[in-house]
C-alpha cells in the first residue's frame, strides 16, 4: 500500500505540472504570444462602424524654430493647423451621426505623453488639448509614440483605425519608426493605416510608409501643412466612411 501511495503522489505532481504548462486565457488580447512575433493584434472590444484617429504631434526641440514664411514657431503653426483640420468633423458628424469619430492626442519628444485618451470627438475639448501641447524640447521618439498609440486604437471599438503623425525631423530615441510601422501593419493585418506629414523636412525620410499601406506628404510652410492635413483627414480618413458625402472646403 505504501508503494501505491508513493506512486500516486508522484503521478499527481507530474500531471499537475504538465497541466500548468498548458495555454492560459488572458484578457490582454492585444499582446502577441512571445513565441510568435508575427501573431496579429486582436481588438479588445467589440467593433462596429466608426473611425479612431491617433494624432501624434512632434514637440522635439526643433519644433521651437520659426516656421518657414512665418513669424511663429513650428509647433504653434502645427497646433493651429490640426485644430482647423478637426473642424471638418462637425460637418461630417452632422451628415453621419451613426458613424462615430474617436480622437486620441499624443505628443512626443524624448518621451511620449498621452494628452487625450481615445474618445468621442468633442470640438471644444480637442481645441483645449491642442492649445496645451507641451512646449518643445528634447529628442524625437517617433517610433515609441506610434507604439503608445497602437493599443489605444484597439480599445476604440471601431473598424477603421489611423495614426496621423506631424513631425519635422528624424527619430532620435527608441524604436525606429520604419520597424514599428511594419510591425503594426503586419500584426494588424492592415487594419491600422499610418500617415505622416513631414513639416519642413524631407518626406523621403518616411518613404517606408509606402510599404505599409500608409503615406507621407511633405509640407514646407504653414499653408502647405494645412493643405496636407486636410488632404489626409478629409480626403482619406473621413472619405473612407460609407456615404461620407462631399468634402468640406479647406480653410485658408
Protein backbone atom coordinates (compact mmCIF):
# COMPACT_ATOMS: atom_id res chain seq x y z
CA UNK A 1 0.00 0.00 0.00
CA UNK A 2 2.87 2.37 0.85
CA UNK A 3 4.37 1.88 -2.62
CA UNK A 4 0.98 2.54 -4.26
CA UNK A 5 0.56 5.77 -2.29
CA UNK A 6 4.02 6.99 -3.31
CA UNK A 7 3.33 6.17 -6.97
CA UNK A 8 0.04 8.04 -6.87
CA UNK A 9 1.72 11.05 -5.23
CA UNK A 10 4.38 11.31 -7.95
CA UNK A 11 1.84 10.77 -10.74
CA UNK A 12 -0.34 13.59 -9.39
CA UNK A 13 2.58 16.03 -9.26
CA UNK A 14 3.87 15.13 -12.73
CA UNK A 15 0.48 15.51 -14.42
CA UNK A 16 -0.28 18.64 -12.41
CA UNK A 17 2.94 20.25 -13.62
CA UNK A 18 2.17 19.37 -17.23
CA UNK A 19 -1.30 20.86 -16.93
CA UNK A 20 0.06 24.13 -15.53
CA UNK A 21 2.25 24.49 -18.62
CA UNK A 22 -0.72 24.45 -20.99
CA UNK A 23 -2.25 27.53 -22.65
CA UNK A 24 -3.78 30.18 -20.40
CA UNK A 25 -6.53 32.56 -21.29
CA UNK A 26 -5.80 36.25 -20.82
CA UNK A 27 -7.83 39.41 -21.00
CA UNK A 28 -4.94 41.26 -22.65
CA UNK A 29 -5.84 40.12 -26.18
CA UNK A 30 -3.61 42.75 -27.81
CA UNK A 31 -0.42 41.03 -26.73
CA UNK A 32 1.01 38.58 -29.21
CA UNK A 33 2.39 35.33 -27.75
CA UNK A 34 6.11 35.60 -27.01
CA UNK A 35 6.82 32.57 -29.16
CA UNK A 36 5.19 34.08 -32.26
CA UNK A 37 6.25 37.64 -33.09
CA UNK A 38 4.08 37.58 -36.23
CA UNK A 39 0.86 36.89 -34.34
CA UNK A 40 -1.81 39.55 -35.05
CA UNK A 41 -3.07 42.06 -32.55
CA UNK A 42 -6.68 41.48 -31.58
CA UNK A 43 -9.24 44.15 -30.85
CA UNK A 44 -10.01 44.49 -27.15
CA UNK A 45 -13.63 45.49 -27.69
CA UNK A 46 -16.44 44.51 -29.99
CA UNK A 47 -16.02 46.62 -33.12
CA UNK A 48 -18.58 48.44 -35.22
CA UNK A 49 -18.87 51.38 -37.58
CA UNK A 50 -16.65 54.35 -36.92
CA UNK A 51 -13.10 55.63 -37.16
CA UNK A 52 -10.43 56.11 -34.50
CA UNK A 53 -7.60 58.55 -35.17
CA UNK A 54 -4.44 58.81 -33.06
CA UNK A 55 -2.84 62.23 -33.64
CA UNK A 56 0.88 62.29 -32.81
CA UNK A 57 2.47 65.74 -32.50
CA UNK A 58 6.23 66.31 -32.58
CA UNK A 59 7.35 68.53 -29.68
CA UNK A 60 11.09 67.97 -30.03
CA UNK A 61 13.47 70.91 -29.69
CA UNK A 62 13.48 71.69 -33.41
CA UNK A 63 9.75 72.43 -33.36
CA UNK A 64 10.58 75.62 -31.44
CA UNK A 65 12.26 77.02 -34.55
CA UNK A 66 10.45 79.60 -36.66
CA UNK A 67 8.27 78.08 -39.36
CA UNK A 68 9.19 78.89 -42.98
CA UNK A 69 7.46 82.05 -44.27
CA UNK A 70 6.03 82.67 -40.81
CA UNK A 71 6.93 84.54 -37.63
CA UNK A 72 5.66 81.80 -35.35
CA UNK A 73 7.28 78.62 -34.06
CA UNK A 74 6.61 75.43 -35.98
CA UNK A 75 4.78 73.80 -33.08
CA UNK A 76 2.34 76.76 -32.88
CA UNK A 77 1.67 76.52 -36.62
CA UNK A 78 1.10 72.76 -36.23
CA UNK A 79 -1.33 73.27 -33.32
CA UNK A 80 -3.49 75.65 -35.31
CA UNK A 81 -3.37 73.53 -38.47
CA UNK A 82 -4.53 70.45 -36.55
CA UNK A 83 -7.36 72.38 -34.89
CA UNK A 84 -8.56 73.60 -38.27
CA UNK A 85 -8.28 70.09 -39.69
CA UNK A 86 -10.54 68.70 -36.98
CA UNK A 87 -13.17 71.37 -37.58
CA UNK A 88 -14.25 69.36 -40.63
CA UNK A 89 -15.56 66.72 -38.21
CA UNK A 90 -18.51 68.93 -37.24
CA UNK A 91 -19.98 68.83 -40.73
CA UNK A 92 -19.21 65.14 -41.07
CA UNK A 93 -20.94 64.21 -37.80
CA UNK A 94 -23.98 66.24 -38.85
CA UNK A 95 -24.22 64.16 -42.04
CA UNK A 96 -23.32 60.82 -40.46
CA UNK A 97 -24.36 60.78 -36.79
CA UNK A 98 -24.34 56.97 -36.94
CA UNK A 99 -20.61 56.91 -37.77
CA UNK A 100 -18.67 57.85 -34.60
CA UNK A 101 -15.30 59.58 -34.82
CA UNK A 102 -12.91 58.99 -31.94
CA UNK A 103 -9.73 61.04 -31.46
CA UNK A 104 -6.68 60.49 -29.27
CA UNK A 105 -3.88 63.07 -28.98
CA UNK A 106 -0.24 62.36 -28.12
CA UNK A 107 2.90 64.47 -28.06
CA UNK A 108 6.40 63.14 -28.37
CA UNK A 109 9.89 64.45 -27.75
CA UNK A 110 12.36 62.26 -25.89
CA UNK A 111 9.34 60.61 -24.32
CA UNK A 112 5.69 60.19 -25.21
CA UNK A 113 2.72 61.85 -23.49
CA UNK A 114 -0.91 60.89 -23.91
CA UNK A 115 -2.71 64.24 -23.90
CA UNK A 116 -6.19 62.88 -24.65
CA UNK A 117 -7.36 59.31 -24.38
CA UNK A 118 -9.09 57.80 -27.40
CA UNK A 119 -12.64 59.09 -27.06
CA UNK A 120 -15.53 60.64 -28.98
CA UNK A 121 -14.92 63.81 -30.94
CA UNK A 122 -15.52 66.97 -28.92
CA UNK A 123 -14.53 70.19 -30.68
CA UNK A 124 -14.08 72.35 -27.59
CA UNK A 125 -12.16 69.72 -25.68
CA UNK A 126 -9.86 68.94 -28.59
CA UNK A 127 -9.05 72.61 -29.17
CA UNK A 128 -8.15 72.98 -25.49
CA UNK A 129 -5.93 69.89 -25.65
CA UNK A 130 -4.15 71.07 -28.80
CA UNK A 131 -3.51 74.51 -27.32
CA UNK A 132 -2.00 72.91 -24.21
CA UNK A 133 0.57 70.79 -26.05
CA UNK A 134 3.85 70.86 -24.04
CA UNK A 135 6.48 73.34 -25.25
CA UNK A 136 9.21 71.88 -27.48
CA UNK A 137 12.35 70.38 -26.05
CA UNK A 138 14.36 67.18 -26.25
CA UNK A 139 14.74 64.45 -28.84
CA UNK A 140 12.35 62.76 -31.27
CA UNK A 141 10.75 59.43 -30.28
CA UNK A 142 8.52 58.82 -33.31
CA UNK A 143 8.54 55.04 -33.14
CA UNK A 144 7.73 54.98 -29.43
CA UNK A 145 4.80 57.35 -29.98
CA UNK A 146 3.40 55.00 -32.63
CA UNK A 147 3.75 52.09 -30.23
CA UNK A 148 1.99 54.03 -27.48
CA UNK A 149 -0.98 54.86 -29.71
CA UNK A 150 -1.50 51.44 -31.26
CA UNK A 151 -3.15 49.63 -28.31
CA UNK A 152 -5.46 52.59 -27.71
CA UNK A 153 -6.75 52.19 -31.26
CA UNK A 154 -7.60 48.57 -30.48
CA UNK A 155 -9.67 49.61 -27.48
CA UNK A 156 -11.70 52.10 -29.53
CA UNK A 157 -14.36 49.62 -30.67
CA UNK A 158 -14.42 50.74 -34.32
CA UNK A 159 -13.29 49.09 -37.54
CA UNK A 160 -11.23 51.92 -39.04
CA UNK A 161 -8.01 52.86 -37.27
CA UNK A 162 -5.48 55.54 -38.20
CA UNK A 163 -2.23 57.01 -36.95
CA UNK A 164 -1.51 60.57 -38.07
CA UNK A 165 1.98 61.93 -37.32
CA UNK A 166 3.15 65.53 -37.70
CA UNK A 167 6.94 65.80 -37.44
CA UNK A 168 9.83 67.94 -38.61
CA UNK A 169 12.69 65.55 -38.02
CA UNK A 170 14.18 62.11 -37.76
CA UNK A 171 13.81 59.58 -34.98
CA UNK A 172 16.48 60.01 -32.27
CA UNK A 173 15.09 57.99 -29.36
CA UNK A 174 13.71 54.48 -29.02
CA UNK A 175 12.47 52.17 -31.75
CA UNK A 176 12.92 53.20 -35.41
CA UNK A 177 9.56 54.25 -36.91
CA UNK A 178 10.05 52.10 -40.01
CA UNK A 179 10.30 48.96 -37.86
CA UNK A 180 7.26 49.96 -35.79
CA UNK A 181 5.22 50.79 -38.91
CA UNK A 182 5.97 47.39 -40.45
CA UNK A 183 5.17 45.64 -37.18
CA UNK A 184 1.84 47.43 -36.83
CA UNK A 185 0.92 46.82 -40.46
CA UNK A 186 1.79 43.13 -40.24
CA UNK A 187 0.22 42.35 -36.87
CA UNK A 188 -2.92 44.38 -37.51
CA UNK A 189 -3.27 42.70 -40.92
CA UNK A 190 -3.70 46.12 -42.50
CA UNK A 191 -6.33 47.33 -40.02
CA UNK A 192 -4.20 50.31 -38.94
CA UNK A 193 -3.18 52.86 -41.56
CA UNK A 194 -0.37 55.32 -40.84
CA UNK A 195 0.02 58.77 -42.38
CA UNK A 196 2.87 61.24 -41.86
CA UNK A 197 3.10 64.94 -42.63
CA UNK A 198 6.78 65.87 -42.98
CA UNK A 199 6.75 69.52 -41.90
CA UNK A 200 9.82 71.47 -43.01
CA UNK A 201 11.73 68.24 -43.63
CA UNK A 202 12.17 65.77 -46.47
CA UNK A 203 9.30 63.29 -46.88
CA UNK A 204 11.85 60.81 -48.28
CA UNK A 205 12.82 60.04 -44.68
CA UNK A 206 9.48 58.30 -44.32
CA UNK A 207 9.26 56.59 -47.71
CA UNK A 208 8.91 53.26 -45.87
CA UNK A 209 5.24 54.09 -45.30
CA UNK A 210 4.52 53.15 -48.92
CA UNK A 211 5.34 49.55 -47.98
CA UNK A 212 2.95 49.53 -45.01
CA UNK A 213 -0.26 50.78 -46.60
CA UNK A 214 0.39 54.34 -45.45
CA UNK A 215 1.61 57.55 -47.00
CA UNK A 216 3.68 60.67 -46.33
CA UNK A 217 3.08 64.22 -47.55
CA UNK A 218 5.67 66.99 -47.43
CA UNK A 219 4.79 70.47 -46.17
CA UNK A 220 7.27 73.33 -46.28
CA UNK A 221 5.04 76.12 -44.94
CA UNK A 222 2.05 76.56 -42.67
CA UNK A 223 -0.28 76.81 -45.66
CA UNK A 224 1.12 73.58 -47.09
CA UNK A 225 0.76 71.92 -43.70
CA UNK A 226 -2.94 72.81 -43.55
CA UNK A 227 -3.41 71.55 -47.09
CA UNK A 228 -1.60 68.28 -46.34
CA UNK A 229 -3.62 67.65 -43.18
CA UNK A 230 -6.86 68.41 -44.99
CA UNK A 231 -5.90 66.00 -47.77
CA UNK A 232 -5.27 63.19 -45.30
CA UNK A 233 -8.14 63.81 -42.90
CA UNK A 234 -10.93 64.70 -45.30
CA UNK A 235 -9.51 63.13 -48.44
CA UNK A 236 -8.61 59.77 -46.90
CA UNK A 237 -9.85 59.20 -43.34
CA UNK A 238 -13.33 60.74 -43.48
CA UNK A 239 -13.77 59.94 -47.18
CA UNK A 240 -13.45 56.22 -46.42
CA UNK A 241 -16.66 56.28 -44.39
CA UNK A 242 -19.58 54.91 -46.48
CA UNK A 243 -21.74 57.75 -47.77
CA UNK A 244 -19.44 60.36 -46.26
CA UNK A 245 -20.61 62.96 -48.77
CA UNK A 246 -18.67 65.82 -50.24
CA UNK A 247 -15.56 67.20 -48.64
CA UNK A 248 -15.70 70.49 -46.81
CA UNK A 249 -13.65 73.27 -48.40
CA UNK A 250 -10.17 73.60 -46.92
CA UNK A 251 -9.71 76.59 -44.63
CA UNK A 252 -7.20 79.23 -45.72
